[in-house]
Amino acid sequence: RREQEVKRREEALAGAGVVLEKPNWPPFLPIIHHDIANEIPIHLQKM
């Protein structure tokens, strides 16, 4: 029930345009959210 509730809230936030940013960098001690390959358009990734 709790997992379903959390999933429902995440979907609601995503539908409202709010992006949940979970820390994932650096890999050995994640403190910031950083995912250029999946979140930045390809033509802007180099910059």
ModelCIF file with pLDDT and N, C-alpha, C, O atoms, coordinates in Angstrom:
data_MODEL
#
_entry.id   MODEL 
#
_entity.id                         1 
_entity.type                       polymer 
_entity.pdbx_number_of_molecules   1 
#
_entity_poly.entity_id                      1 
_entity_poly.type                           'polypeptide(L)' 
_entity_poly.nstd_linkage                   no 
_entity_poly.nstd_monomer                   no 
_entity_poly.pdbx_seq_one_letter_code       RREQEVKRREEALAGAGVVLEKPNWPPFLPIIHHDIANEIPIHLQKM 
_entity_poly.pdbx_seq_one_letter_code_can   RREQEVKRREEALAGAGVVLEKPNWPPFLPIIHHDIANEIPIHLQKM 
_entity_poly.pdbx_strand_id                 A 
#
loop_
_entity_poly_seq.entity_id 
_entity_poly_seq.num 
_entity_poly_seq.mon_id 
_entity_poly_seq.hetero 
1 1  ARG n 
1 2  ARG n 
1 3  GLU n 
1 4  GLN n 
1 5  GLU n 
1 6  VAL n 
1 7  LYS n 
1 8  ARG n 
1 9  ARG n 
1 10 GLU n 
1 11 GLU n 
1 12 ALA n 
1 13 LEU n 
1 14 ALA n 
1 15 GLY n 
1 16 ALA n 
1 17 GLY n 
1 18 VAL n 
1 19 VAL n 
1 20 LEU n 
1 21 GLU n 
1 22 LYS n 
1 23 PRO n 
1 24 ASN n 
1 25 TRP n 
1 26 PRO n 
1 27 PRO n 
1 28 PHE n 
1 29 LEU n 
1 30 PRO n 
1 31 ILE n 
1 32 ILE n 
1 33 HIS n 
1 34 HIS n 
1 35 ASP n 
1 36 ILE n 
1 37 ALA n 
1 38 ASN n 
1 39 GLU n 
1 40 ILE n 
1 41 PRO n 
1 42 ILE n 
1 43 HIS n 
1 44 LEU n 
1 45 GLN n 
1 46 LYS n 
1 47 MET n 
#
_struct_asym.id          A 
_struct_asym.entity_id   1 
#
loop_
_ma_qa_metric.id 
_ma_qa_metric.mode 
_ma_qa_metric.name 
_ma_qa_metric.software_group_id 
_ma_qa_metric.type 
1 global pLDDT . pLDDT 
2 local  pLDDT . pLDDT 
#
_ma_qa_metric_global.metric_id      1 
_ma_qa_metric_global.metric_value   81.74 
_ma_qa_metric_global.model_id       1 
_ma_qa_metric_global.ordinal_id     1 
#
loop_
_ma_qa_metric_local.label_asym_id 
_ma_qa_metric_local.label_comp_id 
_ma_qa_metric_local.label_seq_id 
_ma_qa_metric_local.metric_id 
_ma_qa_metric_local.metric_value 
_ma_qa_metric_local.model_id 
_ma_qa_metric_local.ordinal_id 
A ARG 1  2 83.00 1 1  
A ARG 2  2 82.00 1 2  
A GLU 3  2 80.00 1 3  
A GLN 4  2 81.00 1 4  
A GLU 5  2 79.00 1 5  
A VAL 6  2 74.00 1 6  
A LYS 7  2 73.00 1 7  
A ARG 8  2 76.00 1 8  
A ARG 9  2 70.00 1 9  
A GLU 10 2 62.00 1 10 
A GLU 11 2 66.00 1 11 
A ALA 12 2 66.00 1 12 
A LEU 13 2 57.00 1 13 
A ALA 14 2 55.00 1 14 
A GLY 15 2 59.00 1 15 
A ALA 16 2 54.00 1 16 
A GLY 17 2 52.00 1 17 
A VAL 18 2 58.00 1 18 
A VAL 19 2 62.00 1 19 
A LEU 20 2 68.00 1 20 
A GLU 21 2 78.00 1 21 
A LYS 22 2 86.00 1 22 
A PRO 23 2 90.00 1 23 
A ASN 24 2 90.00 1 24 
A TRP 25 2 92.00 1 25 
A PRO 26 2 91.00 1 26 
A PRO 27 2 90.00 1 27 
A PHE 28 2 91.00 1 28 
A LEU 29 2 91.00 1 29 
A PRO 30 2 92.00 1 30 
A ILE 31 2 92.00 1 31 
A ILE 32 2 93.00 1 32 
A HIS 33 2 92.00 1 33 
A HIS 34 2 94.00 1 34 
A ASP 35 2 93.00 1 35 
A ILE 36 2 95.00 1 36 
A ALA 37 2 94.00 1 37 
A ASN 38 2 92.00 1 38 
A GLU 39 2 93.00 1 39 
A ILE 40 2 95.00 1 40 
A PRO 41 2 94.00 1 41 
A ILE 42 2 94.00 1 42 
A HIS 43 2 93.00 1 43 
A LEU 44 2 94.00 1 44 
A GLN 45 2 95.00 1 45 
A LYS 46 2 95.00 1 46 
A MET 47 2 96.00 1 47 
#
loop_
_atom_site.group_PDB 
_atom_site.id 
_atom_site.type_symbol 
_atom_site.label_atom_id 
_atom_site.label_alt_id 
_atom_site.label_comp_id 
_atom_site.label_asym_id 
_atom_site.label_entity_id 
_atom_site.label_seq_id 
_atom_site.pdbx_PDB_ins_code 
_atom_site.Cartn_x 
_atom_site.Cartn_y 
_atom_site.Cartn_z 
_atom_site.occupancy 
_atom_site.B_iso_or_equiv 
_atom_site.pdbx_formal_charge 
_atom_site.auth_seq_id 
_atom_site.auth_comp_id 
_atom_site.auth_asym_id 
_atom_site.auth_atom_id 
_atom_site.pdbx_PDB_model_num 
ATOM 1   N N  . ARG A 1 1  ? 0.825  -1.207 0.000   1.00 83.00 ? 1  ARG A N  1 
ATOM 2   C CA . ARG A 1 1  ? 0.000  0.000  0.000   1.00 83.00 ? 1  ARG A CA 1 
ATOM 3   C C  . ARG A 1 1  ? 0.861  1.260  0.000   1.00 83.00 ? 1  ARG A C  1 
ATOM 4   O O  . ARG A 1 1  ? 0.556  2.226  -0.699  1.00 83.00 ? 1  ARG A O  1 
ATOM 5   N N  . ARG A 1 2  ? 1.934  1.248  0.783   1.00 82.00 ? 2  ARG A N  1 
ATOM 6   C CA . ARG A 1 2  ? 2.822  2.415  0.829   1.00 82.00 ? 2  ARG A CA 1 
ATOM 7   C C  . ARG A 1 2  ? 3.531  2.632  -0.506  1.00 82.00 ? 2  ARG A C  1 
ATOM 8   O O  . ARG A 1 2  ? 3.654  3.766  -0.966  1.00 82.00 ? 2  ARG A O  1 
ATOM 9   N N  . GLU A 1 3  ? 3.996  1.548  -1.128  1.00 80.00 ? 3  GLU A N  1 
ATOM 10  C CA . GLU A 1 3  ? 4.647  1.674  -2.428  1.00 80.00 ? 3  GLU A CA 1 
ATOM 11  C C  . GLU A 1 3  ? 3.697  2.246  -3.466  1.00 80.00 ? 3  GLU A C  1 
ATOM 12  O O  . GLU A 1 3  ? 4.087  3.093  -4.270  1.00 80.00 ? 3  GLU A O  1 
ATOM 13  N N  . GLN A 1 4  ? 2.471  1.796  -3.452  1.00 81.00 ? 4  GLN A N  1 
ATOM 14  C CA . GLN A 1 4  ? 1.490  2.317  -4.395  1.00 81.00 ? 4  GLN A CA 1 
ATOM 15  C C  . GLN A 1 4  ? 1.211  3.793  -4.141  1.00 81.00 ? 4  GLN A C  1 
ATOM 16  O O  . GLN A 1 4  ? 1.018  4.564  -5.081  1.00 81.00 ? 4  GLN A O  1 
ATOM 17  N N  . GLU A 1 5  ? 1.190  4.185  -2.865  1.00 79.00 ? 5  GLU A N  1 
ATOM 18  C CA . GLU A 1 5  ? 0.955  5.587  -2.522  1.00 79.00 ? 5  GLU A CA 1 
ATOM 19  C C  . GLU A 1 5  ? 2.107  6.464  -3.002  1.00 79.00 ? 5  GLU A C  1 
ATOM 20  O O  . GLU A 1 5  ? 1.888  7.539  -3.561  1.00 79.00 ? 5  GLU A O  1 
ATOM 21  N N  . VAL A 1 6  ? 3.337  5.997  -2.781  1.00 74.00 ? 6  VAL A N  1 
ATOM 22  C CA . VAL A 1 6  ? 4.508  6.757  -3.243  1.00 74.00 ? 6  VAL A CA 1 
ATOM 23  C C  . VAL A 1 6  ? 4.518  6.866  -4.769  1.00 74.00 ? 6  VAL A C  1 
ATOM 24  O O  . VAL A 1 6  ? 4.806  7.929  -5.318  1.00 74.00 ? 6  VAL A O  1 
ATOM 25  N N  . LYS A 1 7  ? 4.204  5.772  -5.442  1.00 73.00 ? 7  LYS A N  1 
ATOM 26  C CA . LYS A 1 7  ? 4.152  5.779  -6.900  1.00 73.00 ? 7  LYS A CA 1 
ATOM 27  C C  . LYS A 1 7  ? 3.079  6.733  -7.408  1.00 73.00 ? 7  LYS A C  1 
ATOM 28  O O  . LYS A 1 7  ? 3.283  7.441  -8.394  1.00 73.00 ? 7  LYS A O  1 
ATOM 29  N N  . ARG A 1 8  ? 1.938  6.749  -6.729  1.00 76.00 ? 8  ARG A N  1 
ATOM 30  C CA . ARG A 1 8  ? 0.865  7.653  -7.139  1.00 76.00 ? 8  ARG A CA 1 
ATOM 31  C C  . ARG A 1 8  ? 1.280  9.112  -6.984  1.00 76.00 ? 8  ARG A C  1 
ATOM 32  O O  . ARG A 1 8  ? 0.970  9.944  -7.837  1.00 76.00 ? 8  ARG A O  1 
ATOM 33  N N  . ARG A 1 9  ? 1.986  9.423  -5.886  1.00 70.00 ? 9  ARG A N  1 
ATOM 34  C CA . ARG A 1 9  ? 2.455  10.803 -5.687  1.00 70.00 ? 9  ARG A CA 1 
ATOM 35  C C  . ARG A 1 9  ? 3.487  11.192 -6.731  1.00 70.00 ? 9  ARG A C  1 
ATOM 36  O O  . ARG A 1 9  ? 3.459  12.308 -7.250  1.00 70.00 ? 9  ARG A O  1 
ATOM 37  N N  . GLU A 1 10 ? 4.406  10.271 -7.045  1.00 62.00 ? 10 GLU A N  1 
ATOM 38  C CA . GLU A 1 10 ? 5.411  10.560 -8.069  1.00 62.00 ? 10 GLU A CA 1 
ATOM 39  C C  . GLU A 1 10 ? 4.757  10.822 -9.423  1.00 62.00 ? 10 GLU A C  1 
ATOM 40  O O  . GLU A 1 10 ? 5.159  11.736 -10.143 1.00 62.00 ? 10 GLU A O  1 
ATOM 41  N N  . GLU A 1 11 ? 3.762  10.028 -9.766  1.00 66.00 ? 11 GLU A N  1 
ATOM 42  C CA . GLU A 1 11 ? 3.063  10.243 -11.034 1.00 66.00 ? 11 GLU A CA 1 
ATOM 43  C C  . GLU A 1 11 ? 2.320  11.573 -11.044 1.00 66.00 ? 11 GLU A C  1 
ATOM 44  O O  . GLU A 1 11 ? 2.260  12.252 -12.069 1.00 66.00 ? 11 GLU A O  1 
ATOM 45  N N  . ALA A 1 12 ? 1.754  11.939 -9.892  1.00 66.00 ? 12 ALA A N  1 
ATOM 46  C CA . ALA A 1 12 ? 1.052  13.218 -9.807  1.00 66.00 ? 12 ALA A CA 1 
ATOM 47  C C  . ALA A 1 12 ? 2.015  14.389 -9.969  1.00 66.00 ? 12 ALA A C  1 
ATOM 48  O O  . ALA A 1 12 ? 1.711  15.362 -10.658 1.00 66.00 ? 12 ALA A O  1 
ATOM 49  N N  . LEU A 1 13 ? 3.181  14.287 -9.327  1.00 57.00 ? 13 LEU A N  1 
ATOM 50  C CA . LEU A 1 13 ? 4.179  15.347 -9.465  1.00 57.00 ? 13 LEU A CA 1 
ATOM 51  C C  . LEU A 1 13 ? 4.713  15.431 -10.887 1.00 57.00 ? 13 LEU A C  1 
ATOM 52  O O  . LEU A 1 13 ? 4.908  16.522 -11.424 1.00 57.00 ? 13 LEU A O  1 
ATOM 53  N N  . ALA A 1 14 ? 4.951  14.261 -11.497 1.00 55.00 ? 14 ALA A N  1 
ATOM 54  C CA . ALA A 1 14 ? 5.429  14.250 -12.874 1.00 55.00 ? 14 ALA A CA 1 
ATOM 55  C C  . ALA A 1 14 ? 4.388  14.856 -13.810 1.00 55.00 ? 14 ALA A C  1 
ATOM 56  O O  . ALA A 1 14 ? 4.740  15.562 -14.755 1.00 55.00 ? 14 ALA A O  1 
ATOM 57  N N  . GLY A 1 15 ? 3.109  14.584 -13.551 1.00 59.00 ? 15 GLY A N  1 
ATOM 58  C CA . GLY A 1 15 ? 2.059  15.170 -14.377 1.00 59.00 ? 15 GLY A CA 1 
ATOM 59  C C  . GLY A 1 15 ? 1.967  16.667 -14.212 1.00 59.00 ? 15 GLY A C  1 
ATOM 60  O O  . GLY A 1 15 ? 1.545  17.371 -15.129 1.00 59.00 ? 15 GLY A O  1 
ATOM 61  N N  . ALA A 1 16 ? 2.362  17.167 -13.041 1.00 54.00 ? 16 ALA A N  1 
ATOM 62  C CA . ALA A 1 16 ? 2.348  18.614 -12.798 1.00 54.00 ? 16 ALA A CA 1 
ATOM 63  C C  . ALA A 1 16 ? 3.614  19.294 -13.269 1.00 54.00 ? 16 ALA A C  1 
ATOM 64  O O  . ALA A 1 16 ? 3.763  20.506 -13.109 1.00 54.00 ? 16 ALA A O  1 
ATOM 65  N N  . GLY A 1 17 ? 4.530  18.535 -13.849 1.00 52.00 ? 17 GLY A N  1 
ATOM 66  C CA . GLY A 1 17 ? 5.773  19.121 -14.359 1.00 52.00 ? 17 GLY A CA 1 
ATOM 67  C C  . GLY A 1 17 ? 6.894  19.188 -13.356 1.00 52.00 ? 17 GLY A C  1 
ATOM 68  O O  . GLY A 1 17 ? 7.928  19.797 -13.630 1.00 52.00 ? 17 GLY A O  1 
ATOM 69  N N  . VAL A 1 18 ? 6.719  18.579 -12.200 1.00 58.00 ? 18 VAL A N  1 
ATOM 70  C CA . VAL A 1 18 ? 7.750  18.567 -11.162 1.00 58.00 ? 18 VAL A CA 1 
ATOM 71  C C  . VAL A 1 18 ? 8.604  17.311 -11.333 1.00 58.00 ? 18 VAL A C  1 
ATOM 72  O O  . VAL A 1 18 ? 8.082  16.197 -11.336 1.00 58.00 ? 18 VAL A O  1 
ATOM 73  N N  . VAL A 1 19 ? 9.914  17.495 -11.475 1.00 62.00 ? 19 VAL A N  1 
ATOM 74  C CA . VAL A 1 19 ? 10.835 16.378 -11.677 1.00 62.00 ? 19 VAL A CA 1 
ATOM 75  C C  . VAL A 1 19 ? 11.497 16.021 -10.351 1.00 62.00 ? 19 VAL A C  1 
ATOM 76  O O  . VAL A 1 19 ? 12.122 16.868 -9.713  1.00 62.00 ? 19 VAL A O  1 
ATOM 77  N N  . LEU A 1 20 ? 11.358 14.776 -9.946  1.00 68.00 ? 20 LEU A N  1 
ATOM 78  C CA . LEU A 1 20 ? 12.009 14.307 -8.717  1.00 68.00 ? 20 LEU A CA 1 
ATOM 79  C C  . LEU A 1 20 ? 13.456 13.975 -9.016  1.00 68.00 ? 20 LEU A C  1 
ATOM 80  O O  . LEU A 1 20 ? 13.742 13.132 -9.866  1.00 68.00 ? 20 LEU A O  1 
ATOM 81  N N  . GLU A 1 21 ? 14.360 14.627 -8.331  1.00 78.00 ? 21 GLU A N  1 
ATOM 82  C CA . GLU A 1 21 ? 15.788 14.462 -8.597  1.00 78.00 ? 21 GLU A CA 1 
ATOM 83  C C  . GLU A 1 21 ? 16.418 13.696 -7.441  1.00 78.00 ? 21 GLU A C  1 
ATOM 84  O O  . GLU A 1 21 ? 16.567 14.223 -6.339  1.00 78.00 ? 21 GLU A O  1 
ATOM 85  N N  . LYS A 1 22 ? 16.778 12.466 -7.703  1.00 86.00 ? 22 LYS A N  1 
ATOM 86  C CA . LYS A 1 22 ? 17.428 11.633 -6.690  1.00 86.00 ? 22 LYS A CA 1 
ATOM 87  C C  . LYS A 1 22 ? 18.941 11.706 -6.875  1.00 86.00 ? 22 LYS A C  1 
ATOM 88  O O  . LYS A 1 22 ? 19.423 11.596 -8.003  1.00 86.00 ? 22 LYS A O  1 
ATOM 89  N N  . PRO A 1 23 ? 19.694 11.888 -5.803  1.00 90.00 ? 23 PRO A N  1 
ATOM 90  C CA . PRO A 1 23 ? 21.164 11.939 -5.920  1.00 90.00 ? 23 PRO A CA 1 
ATOM 91  C C  . PRO A 1 23 ? 21.720 10.666 -6.542  1.00 90.00 ? 23 PRO A C  1 
ATOM 92  O O  . PRO A 1 23 ? 21.365 9.558  -6.138  1.00 90.00 ? 23 PRO A O  1 
ATOM 93  N N  . ASN A 1 24 ? 22.596 10.834 -7.531  1.00 90.00 ? 24 ASN A N  1 
ATOM 94  C CA . ASN A 1 24 ? 23.201 9.669  -8.190  1.00 90.00 ? 24 ASN A CA 1 
ATOM 95  C C  . ASN A 1 24 ? 24.672 9.902  -8.560  1.00 90.00 ? 24 ASN A C  1 
ATOM 96  O O  . ASN A 1 24 ? 25.289 9.063  -9.217  1.00 90.00 ? 24 ASN A O  1 
ATOM 97  N N  . TRP A 1 25 ? 25.239 11.062 -8.129  1.00 92.00 ? 25 TRP A N  1 
ATOM 98  C CA . TRP A 1 25 ? 26.637 11.343 -8.476  1.00 92.00 ? 25 TRP A CA 1 
ATOM 99  C C  . TRP A 1 25 ? 27.314 12.021 -7.287  1.00 92.00 ? 25 TRP A C  1 
ATOM 100 O O  . TRP A 1 25 ? 26.689 12.857 -6.634  1.00 92.00 ? 25 TRP A O  1 
ATOM 101 N N  . PRO A 1 26 ? 28.565 11.690 -6.986  1.00 91.00 ? 26 PRO A N  1 
ATOM 102 C CA . PRO A 1 26 ? 29.369 10.610 -7.595  1.00 91.00 ? 26 PRO A CA 1 
ATOM 103 C C  . PRO A 1 26 ? 28.842 9.230  -7.216  1.00 91.00 ? 26 PRO A C  1 
ATOM 104 O O  . PRO A 1 26 ? 28.160 9.090  -6.200  1.00 91.00 ? 26 PRO A O  1 
ATOM 105 N N  . PRO A 1 27 ? 29.147 8.208  -8.016  1.00 90.00 ? 27 PRO A N  1 
ATOM 106 C CA . PRO A 1 27 ? 28.566 6.881  -7.773  1.00 90.00 ? 27 PRO A CA 1 
ATOM 107 C C  . PRO A 1 27 ? 28.900 6.302  -6.401  1.00 90.00 ? 27 PRO A C  1 
ATOM 108 O O  . PRO A 1 27 ? 28.079 5.606  -5.804  1.00 90.00 ? 27 PRO A O  1 
ATOM 109 N N  . PHE A 1 28 ? 30.104 6.589  -5.898  1.00 91.00 ? 28 PHE A N  1 
ATOM 110 C CA . PHE A 1 28 ? 30.509 6.008  -4.618  1.00 91.00 ? 28 PHE A CA 1 
ATOM 111 C C  . PHE A 1 28 ? 29.900 6.742  -3.424  1.00 91.00 ? 28 PHE A C  1 
ATOM 112 O O  . PHE A 1 28 ? 29.841 6.180  -2.330  1.00 91.00 ? 28 PHE A O  1 
ATOM 113 N N  . LEU A 1 29 ? 29.445 7.987  -3.607  1.00 91.00 ? 29 LEU A N  1 
ATOM 114 C CA . LEU A 1 29 ? 28.812 8.740  -2.529  1.00 91.00 ? 29 LEU A CA 1 
ATOM 115 C C  . LEU A 1 29 ? 27.859 9.764  -3.147  1.00 91.00 ? 29 LEU A C  1 
ATOM 116 O O  . LEU A 1 29 ? 28.192 10.946 -3.228  1.00 91.00 ? 29 LEU A O  1 
ATOM 117 N N  . PRO A 1 30 ? 26.682 9.323  -3.581  1.00 92.00 ? 30 PRO A N  1 
ATOM 118 C CA . PRO A 1 30 ? 25.770 10.232 -4.298  1.00 92.00 ? 30 PRO A CA 1 
ATOM 119 C C  . PRO A 1 30 ? 25.323 11.403 -3.430  1.00 92.00 ? 30 PRO A C  1 
ATOM 120 O O  . PRO A 1 30 ? 24.749 11.215 -2.357  1.00 92.00 ? 30 PRO A O  1 
ATOM 121 N N  . ILE A 1 31 ? 25.597 12.616 -3.911  1.00 92.00 ? 31 ILE A N  1 
ATOM 122 C CA . ILE A 1 31 ? 25.173 13.813 -3.191  1.00 92.00 ? 31 ILE A CA 1 
ATOM 123 C C  . ILE A 1 31 ? 24.396 14.778 -4.091  1.00 92.00 ? 31 ILE A C  1 
ATOM 124 O O  . ILE A 1 31 ? 23.691 15.656 -3.593  1.00 92.00 ? 31 ILE A O  1 
ATOM 125 N N  . ILE A 1 32 ? 24.521 14.620 -5.416  1.00 93.00 ? 32 ILE A N  1 
ATOM 126 C CA . ILE A 1 32 ? 23.791 15.482 -6.344  1.00 93.00 ? 32 ILE A CA 1 
ATOM 127 C C  . ILE A 1 32 ? 23.134 14.618 -7.420  1.00 93.00 ? 32 ILE A C  1 
ATOM 128 O O  . ILE A 1 32 ? 23.510 13.465 -7.636  1.00 93.00 ? 32 ILE A O  1 
ATOM 129 N N  . HIS A 1 33 ? 22.148 15.207 -8.083  1.00 92.00 ? 33 HIS A N  1 
ATOM 130 C CA . HIS A 1 33 ? 21.506 14.525 -9.213  1.00 92.00 ? 33 HIS A CA 1 
ATOM 131 C C  . HIS A 1 33 ? 22.160 15.003 -10.498 1.00 92.00 ? 33 HIS A C  1 
ATOM 132 O O  . HIS A 1 33 ? 22.231 16.204 -10.757 1.00 92.00 ? 33 HIS A O  1 
ATOM 133 N N  . HIS A 1 34 ? 22.642 14.053 -11.308 1.00 94.00 ? 34 HIS A N  1 
ATOM 134 C CA . HIS A 1 34 ? 23.370 14.418 -12.525 1.00 94.00 ? 34 HIS A CA 1 
ATOM 135 C C  . HIS A 1 34 ? 23.227 13.294 -13.542 1.00 94.00 ? 34 HIS A C  1 
ATOM 136 O O  . HIS A 1 34 ? 23.764 12.202 -13.351 1.00 94.00 ? 34 HIS A O  1 
ATOM 137 N N  . ASP A 1 35 ? 22.494 13.568 -14.637 1.00 93.00 ? 35 ASP A N  1 
ATOM 138 C CA . ASP A 1 35 ? 22.241 12.535 -15.647 1.00 93.00 ? 35 ASP A CA 1 
ATOM 139 C C  . ASP A 1 35 ? 22.105 13.198 -17.013 1.00 93.00 ? 35 ASP A C  1 
ATOM 140 O O  . ASP A 1 35 ? 21.011 13.273 -17.573 1.00 93.00 ? 35 ASP A O  1 
ATOM 141 N N  . ILE A 1 36 ? 23.225 13.677 -17.540 1.00 95.00 ? 36 ILE A N  1 
ATOM 142 C CA . ILE A 1 36 ? 23.209 14.402 -18.807 1.00 95.00 ? 36 ILE A CA 1 
ATOM 143 C C  . ILE A 1 36 ? 22.721 13.511 -19.946 1.00 95.00 ? 36 ILE A C  1 
ATOM 144 O O  . ILE A 1 36 ? 21.945 13.955 -20.793 1.00 95.00 ? 36 ILE A O  1 
ATOM 145 N N  . ALA A 1 37 ? 23.167 12.268 -19.969 1.00 94.00 ? 37 ALA A N  1 
ATOM 146 C CA . ALA A 1 37 ? 22.856 11.379 -21.092 1.00 94.00 ? 37 ALA A CA 1 
ATOM 147 C C  . ALA A 1 37 ? 21.362 11.148 -21.259 1.00 94.00 ? 37 ALA A C  1 
ATOM 148 O O  . ALA A 1 37 ? 20.890 10.958 -22.380 1.00 94.00 ? 37 ALA A O  1 
ATOM 149 N N  . ASN A 1 38 ? 20.610 11.163 -20.160 1.00 92.00 ? 38 ASN A N  1 
ATOM 150 C CA . ASN A 1 38 ? 19.178 10.846 -20.232 1.00 92.00 ? 38 ASN A CA 1 
ATOM 151 C C  . ASN A 1 38 ? 18.268 12.064 -20.111 1.00 92.00 ? 38 ASN A C  1 
ATOM 152 O O  . ASN A 1 38 ? 17.091 11.981 -20.460 1.00 92.00 ? 38 ASN A O  1 
ATOM 153 N N  . GLU A 1 39 ? 18.780 13.188 -19.627 1.00 93.00 ? 39 GLU A N  1 
ATOM 154 C CA . GLU A 1 39 ? 17.917 14.341 -19.366 1.00 93.00 ? 39 GLU A CA 1 
ATOM 155 C C  . GLU A 1 39 ? 18.191 15.542 -20.258 1.00 93.00 ? 39 GLU A C  1 
ATOM 156 O O  . GLU A 1 39 ? 17.329 16.411 -20.388 1.00 93.00 ? 39 GLU A O  1 
ATOM 157 N N  . ILE A 1 40 ? 19.352 15.616 -20.867 1.00 95.00 ? 40 ILE A N  1 
ATOM 158 C CA . ILE A 1 40 ? 19.703 16.755 -21.712 1.00 95.00 ? 40 ILE A CA 1 
ATOM 159 C C  . ILE A 1 40 ? 19.575 16.340 -23.178 1.00 95.00 ? 40 ILE A C  1 
ATOM 160 O O  . ILE A 1 40 ? 20.039 15.261 -23.548 1.00 95.00 ? 40 ILE A O  1 
ATOM 161 N N  . PRO A 1 41 ? 18.961 17.166 -24.016 1.00 94.00 ? 41 PRO A N  1 
ATOM 162 C CA . PRO A 1 41 ? 18.874 16.837 -25.449 1.00 94.00 ? 41 PRO A CA 1 
ATOM 163 C C  . PRO A 1 41 ? 20.247 16.559 -26.058 1.00 94.00 ? 41 PRO A C  1 
ATOM 164 O O  . PRO A 1 41 ? 21.251 17.137 -25.642 1.00 94.00 ? 41 PRO A O  1 
ATOM 165 N N  . ILE A 1 42 ? 20.275 15.684 -27.028 1.00 94.00 ? 42 ILE A N  1 
ATOM 166 C CA . ILE A 1 42 ? 21.553 15.215 -27.585 1.00 94.00 ? 42 ILE A CA 1 
ATOM 167 C C  . ILE A 1 42 ? 22.373 16.367 -28.138 1.00 94.00 ? 42 ILE A C  1 
ATOM 168 O O  . ILE A 1 42 ? 23.589 16.397 -27.944 1.00 94.00 ? 42 ILE A O  1 
ATOM 169 N N  . HIS A 1 43 ? 21.742 17.320 -28.825 1.00 93.00 ? 43 HIS A N  1 
ATOM 170 C CA . HIS A 1 43 ? 22.499 18.407 -29.450 1.00 93.00 ? 43 HIS A CA 1 
ATOM 171 C C  . HIS A 1 43 ? 23.049 19.406 -28.422 1.00 93.00 ? 43 HIS A C  1 
ATOM 172 O O  . HIS A 1 43 ? 23.830 20.288 -28.781 1.00 93.00 ? 43 HIS A O  1 
ATOM 173 N N  . LEU A 1 44 ? 22.653 19.279 -27.154 1.00 94.00 ? 44 LEU A N  1 
ATOM 174 C CA . LEU A 1 44 ? 23.155 20.176 -26.102 1.00 94.00 ? 44 LEU A CA 1 
ATOM 175 C C  . LEU A 1 44 ? 24.077 19.482 -25.112 1.00 94.00 ? 44 LEU A C  1 
ATOM 176 O O  . LEU A 1 44 ? 24.626 20.115 -24.211 1.00 94.00 ? 44 LEU A O  1 
ATOM 177 N N  . GLN A 1 45 ? 24.241 18.189 -25.286 1.00 95.00 ? 45 GLN A N  1 
ATOM 178 C CA . GLN A 1 45 ? 25.014 17.434 -24.301 1.00 95.00 ? 45 GLN A CA 1 
ATOM 179 C C  . GLN A 1 45 ? 26.487 17.835 -24.279 1.00 95.00 ? 45 GLN A C  1 
ATOM 180 O O  . GLN A 1 45 ? 27.105 17.856 -23.215 1.00 95.00 ? 45 GLN A O  1 
ATOM 181 N N  . LYS A 1 46 ? 27.050 18.151 -25.434 1.00 95.00 ? 46 LYS A N  1 
ATOM 182 C CA . LYS A 1 46 ? 28.465 18.535 -25.472 1.00 95.00 ? 46 LYS A CA 1 
ATOM 183 C C  . LYS A 1 46 ? 28.703 19.779 -24.629 1.00 95.00 ? 46 LYS A C  1 
ATOM 184 O O  . LYS A 1 46 ? 29.642 19.824 -23.833 1.00 95.00 ? 46 LYS A O  1 
ATOM 185 N N  . MET A 1 47 ? 27.861 20.782 -24.800 1.00 96.00 ? 47 MET A N  1 
ATOM 186 C CA . MET A 1 47 ? 27.998 22.008 -24.012 1.00 96.00 ? 47 MET A CA 1 
ATOM 187 C C  . MET A 1 47 ? 27.857 21.723 -22.522 1.00 96.00 ? 47 MET A C  1 
ATOM 188 O O  . MET A 1 47 ? 27.945 22.641 -21.706 1.00 96.00 ? 47 MET A O  1 
#
